[in-house]
């Protein structure tokens, strides 16, 4: 007999908590990385513009990689 506490386990990558967390993280990396992070690095922290663009591009690629990983593991479907 399952109790309510067994439904709320946060163990493993296939739990609902980790699926939601990883999807939100990948979306932030894909959309906010090249835009807001680049702006913060270049204008607020006064880091070189091309270095901030490079960091934004790396974050974007990492977000795409995470998204493809989630799709390959069938954690999300389109």
N, C-alpha and C. Protein backbone atom coordinates (compact mmCIF):
# COMPACT_ATOMS: atom_id res chain seq x y z
N UNK A 1 0.85 -1.18 0.00
CA UNK A 1 0.00 0.00 0.00
C UNK A 1 0.89 1.24 0.00
N UNK A 2 0.66 2.14 -0.94
CA UNK A 2 1.47 3.35 -1.05
C UNK A 2 0.89 4.45 -0.18
N UNK A 3 1.79 5.15 0.48
CA UNK A 3 1.36 6.30 1.26
C UNK A 3 1.68 7.56 0.47
N UNK A 4 1.21 8.69 0.97
CA UNK A 4 1.46 9.96 0.30
C UNK A 4 2.94 10.34 0.33
N UNK A 5 3.66 9.91 1.33
CA UNK A 5 5.08 10.23 1.43
C UNK A 5 5.90 9.54 0.35
N UNK A 6 5.49 8.38 -0.10
CA UNK A 6 6.23 7.67 -1.14
C UNK A 6 6.08 8.36 -2.49
N UNK A 7 5.01 9.10 -2.70
CA UNK A 7 4.83 9.82 -3.96
C UNK A 7 5.73 11.05 -4.04
N UNK A 8 6.23 11.54 -2.93
CA UNK A 8 6.99 12.78 -2.90
C UNK A 8 8.50 12.55 -2.88
N UNK A 9 8.97 11.37 -3.16
CA UNK A 9 10.39 11.10 -3.16
C UNK A 9 11.09 11.93 -4.23
N UNK A 10 12.27 12.43 -3.90
CA UNK A 10 13.03 13.28 -4.81
C UNK A 10 14.31 12.55 -5.23
N UNK A 11 14.28 11.26 -5.25
CA UNK A 11 15.47 10.50 -5.60
C UNK A 11 15.43 10.11 -7.06
N UNK A 12 16.56 10.15 -7.70
CA UNK A 12 16.67 9.71 -9.08
C UNK A 12 16.31 10.79 -10.07
N UNK A 13 16.87 10.65 -11.26
CA UNK A 13 16.65 11.65 -12.31
C UNK A 13 15.24 11.56 -12.88
N UNK A 14 14.57 10.45 -12.69
CA UNK A 14 13.24 10.27 -13.26
C UNK A 14 12.12 10.77 -12.35
N UNK A 15 12.47 11.35 -11.21
CA UNK A 15 11.42 11.90 -10.34
C UNK A 15 10.87 13.18 -10.95
N UNK A 16 9.68 13.51 -10.58
CA UNK A 16 9.02 14.69 -11.13
C UNK A 16 9.79 15.96 -10.78
N UNK A 17 10.32 16.02 -9.56
CA UNK A 17 11.08 17.18 -9.13
C UNK A 17 12.29 17.42 -10.04
N UNK A 18 13.09 16.38 -10.30
CA UNK A 18 14.28 16.55 -11.12
C UNK A 18 13.94 16.82 -12.57
N UNK A 19 12.88 16.22 -13.08
CA UNK A 19 12.48 16.51 -14.47
C UNK A 19 12.14 17.98 -14.63
N UNK A 20 11.34 18.51 -13.71
CA UNK A 20 10.95 19.91 -13.79
C UNK A 20 12.15 20.83 -13.60
N UNK A 21 12.99 20.50 -12.62
CA UNK A 21 14.17 21.32 -12.35
C UNK A 21 15.11 21.36 -13.54
N UNK A 22 15.36 20.22 -14.16
CA UNK A 22 16.29 20.17 -15.29
C UNK A 22 15.73 20.86 -16.53
N UNK A 23 14.42 20.76 -16.74
CA UNK A 23 13.81 21.46 -17.89
C UNK A 23 13.88 22.97 -17.68
N UNK A 24 13.57 23.43 -16.48
CA UNK A 24 13.65 24.88 -16.20
C UNK A 24 15.09 25.37 -16.31
N UNK A 25 16.05 24.59 -15.81
CA UNK A 25 17.45 24.97 -15.92
C UNK A 25 17.90 25.05 -17.37
N UNK A 26 17.51 24.08 -18.17
CA UNK A 26 17.90 24.12 -19.58
C UNK A 26 17.26 25.29 -20.31
N UNK A 27 16.02 25.62 -19.99
CA UNK A 27 15.38 26.77 -20.62
C UNK A 27 16.06 28.08 -20.21
N UNK A 28 16.43 28.18 -18.94
CA UNK A 28 17.17 29.37 -18.50
C UNK A 28 18.51 29.48 -19.21
N UNK A 29 19.18 28.36 -19.38
CA UNK A 29 20.47 28.37 -20.05
C UNK A 29 20.33 28.73 -21.52
N UNK A 30 19.27 28.26 -22.16
CA UNK A 30 19.08 28.53 -23.58
C UNK A 30 18.65 29.96 -23.83
N UNK A 31 17.71 30.47 -23.04
CA UNK A 31 17.15 31.79 -23.32
C UNK A 31 17.80 32.92 -22.53
N UNK A 32 18.09 32.71 -21.26
CA UNK A 32 18.65 33.79 -20.45
C UNK A 32 20.17 33.87 -20.55
N UNK A 33 20.82 32.77 -20.86
CA UNK A 33 22.28 32.76 -20.96
C UNK A 33 22.82 33.73 -21.99
N UNK A 34 22.37 33.64 -23.24
CA UNK A 34 22.91 34.54 -24.26
C UNK A 34 22.39 35.98 -24.16
N UNK A 35 21.33 36.20 -23.42
CA UNK A 35 20.77 37.56 -23.37
C UNK A 35 21.12 38.26 -22.07
N UNK A 36 20.49 37.86 -20.99
CA UNK A 36 20.66 38.56 -19.72
C UNK A 36 22.05 38.37 -19.13
N UNK A 37 22.58 37.15 -19.21
CA UNK A 37 23.91 36.91 -18.67
C UNK A 37 24.96 37.72 -19.43
N UNK A 38 24.83 37.79 -20.75
CA UNK A 38 25.76 38.58 -21.56
C UNK A 38 25.66 40.06 -21.17
N UNK A 39 24.45 40.55 -20.99
CA UNK A 39 24.27 41.95 -20.59
C UNK A 39 24.88 42.22 -19.22
N UNK A 40 24.64 41.33 -18.27
CA UNK A 40 25.17 41.52 -16.92
C UNK A 40 26.69 41.49 -16.93
N UNK A 41 27.26 40.55 -17.66
CA UNK A 41 28.72 40.46 -17.71
C UNK A 41 29.34 41.68 -18.38
N UNK A 42 28.76 42.14 -19.47
CA UNK A 42 29.35 43.24 -20.24
C UNK A 42 29.11 44.60 -19.60
N UNK A 43 27.90 44.86 -19.17
CA UNK A 43 27.57 46.22 -18.71
C UNK A 43 27.64 46.40 -17.20
N UNK A 44 27.26 45.42 -16.45
CA UNK A 44 27.24 45.56 -14.99
C UNK A 44 28.60 45.22 -14.40
N UNK A 45 29.17 44.09 -14.83
CA UNK A 45 30.45 43.65 -14.26
C UNK A 45 31.65 44.18 -15.04
N UNK A 46 31.41 44.90 -16.14
CA UNK A 46 32.45 45.54 -16.96
C UNK A 46 33.47 44.54 -17.49
N UNK A 47 33.02 43.35 -17.89
CA UNK A 47 33.88 42.36 -18.52
C UNK A 47 33.87 42.65 -20.02
N UNK A 48 34.97 42.31 -20.69
CA UNK A 48 35.09 42.56 -22.13
C UNK A 48 33.86 42.02 -22.87
N UNK A 49 33.41 42.77 -23.86
CA UNK A 49 32.20 42.42 -24.59
C UNK A 49 32.32 41.06 -25.26
N UNK A 50 33.43 40.81 -25.93
CA UNK A 50 33.59 39.55 -26.66
C UNK A 50 33.71 38.36 -25.70
N UNK A 51 34.29 38.57 -24.54
CA UNK A 51 34.35 37.51 -23.54
C UNK A 51 32.95 37.19 -23.02
N UNK A 52 32.14 38.21 -22.82
CA UNK A 52 30.77 37.98 -22.34
C UNK A 52 29.93 37.28 -23.41
N UNK A 53 30.16 37.62 -24.67
CA UNK A 53 29.46 36.92 -25.76
C UNK A 53 29.89 35.46 -25.79
N UNK A 54 31.17 35.20 -25.59
CA UNK A 54 31.67 33.83 -25.56
C UNK A 54 31.07 33.02 -24.43
N UNK A 55 30.97 33.62 -23.25
CA UNK A 55 30.36 32.93 -22.11
C UNK A 55 28.89 32.66 -22.38
N UNK A 56 28.19 33.62 -22.96
CA UNK A 56 26.78 33.43 -23.32
C UNK A 56 26.60 32.31 -24.32
N UNK A 57 27.51 32.22 -25.29
CA UNK A 57 27.43 31.16 -26.30
C UNK A 57 27.68 29.80 -25.67
N UNK A 58 28.64 29.71 -24.77
CA UNK A 58 28.93 28.44 -24.09
C UNK A 58 27.73 28.00 -23.25
N UNK A 59 27.11 28.95 -22.54
CA UNK A 59 25.92 28.62 -21.74
C UNK A 59 24.78 28.16 -22.64
N UNK A 60 24.63 28.79 -23.79
CA UNK A 60 23.60 28.41 -24.76
C UNK A 60 23.82 26.98 -25.25
N UNK A 61 25.05 26.64 -25.62
CA UNK A 61 25.37 25.30 -26.10
C UNK A 61 25.16 24.27 -24.99
N UNK A 62 25.53 24.61 -23.77
CA UNK A 62 25.32 23.70 -22.64
C UNK A 62 23.83 23.47 -22.40
N UNK A 63 23.02 24.51 -22.54
CA UNK A 63 21.57 24.37 -22.39
C UNK A 63 20.97 23.48 -23.47
N UNK A 64 21.45 23.65 -24.71
CA UNK A 64 20.98 22.77 -25.78
C UNK A 64 21.40 21.33 -25.53
N UNK A 65 22.62 21.14 -25.05
CA UNK A 65 23.08 19.80 -24.72
C UNK A 65 22.24 19.15 -23.64
N UNK A 66 21.91 19.93 -22.61
CA UNK A 66 21.06 19.41 -21.54
C UNK A 66 19.67 19.07 -22.07
N UNK A 67 19.13 19.90 -22.96
CA UNK A 67 17.80 19.64 -23.52
C UNK A 67 17.82 18.36 -24.36
N UNK A 68 18.85 18.18 -25.19
CA UNK A 68 18.94 16.96 -25.99
C UNK A 68 19.15 15.73 -25.11
N UNK A 69 19.89 15.88 -24.02
CA UNK A 69 20.06 14.79 -23.07
C UNK A 69 18.72 14.40 -22.48
N UNK A 70 17.91 15.37 -22.08
CA UNK A 70 16.60 15.09 -21.50
C UNK A 70 15.68 14.43 -22.51
N UNK A 71 15.76 14.85 -23.76
CA UNK A 71 14.92 14.23 -24.78
C UNK A 71 15.39 12.82 -25.09
N UNK A 72 16.70 12.57 -25.11
CA UNK A 72 17.23 11.25 -25.40
C UNK A 72 16.89 10.26 -24.28
N UNK A 73 16.88 10.73 -23.03
CA UNK A 73 16.53 9.87 -21.91
C UNK A 73 15.01 9.73 -21.74
N UNK A 74 14.26 10.37 -22.62
CA UNK A 74 12.79 10.33 -22.61
C UNK A 74 12.22 10.94 -21.33
N UNK A 75 12.93 11.91 -20.76
CA UNK A 75 12.41 12.62 -19.60
C UNK A 75 11.41 13.68 -20.04
N UNK A 76 11.59 14.17 -21.26
CA UNK A 76 10.60 15.08 -21.85
C UNK A 76 10.35 14.59 -23.28
N UNK A 77 9.18 14.85 -23.77
CA UNK A 77 8.83 14.48 -25.14
C UNK A 77 8.26 15.70 -25.83
N UNK A 78 8.46 15.72 -27.13
CA UNK A 78 7.89 16.83 -27.91
C UNK A 78 6.84 16.32 -28.87
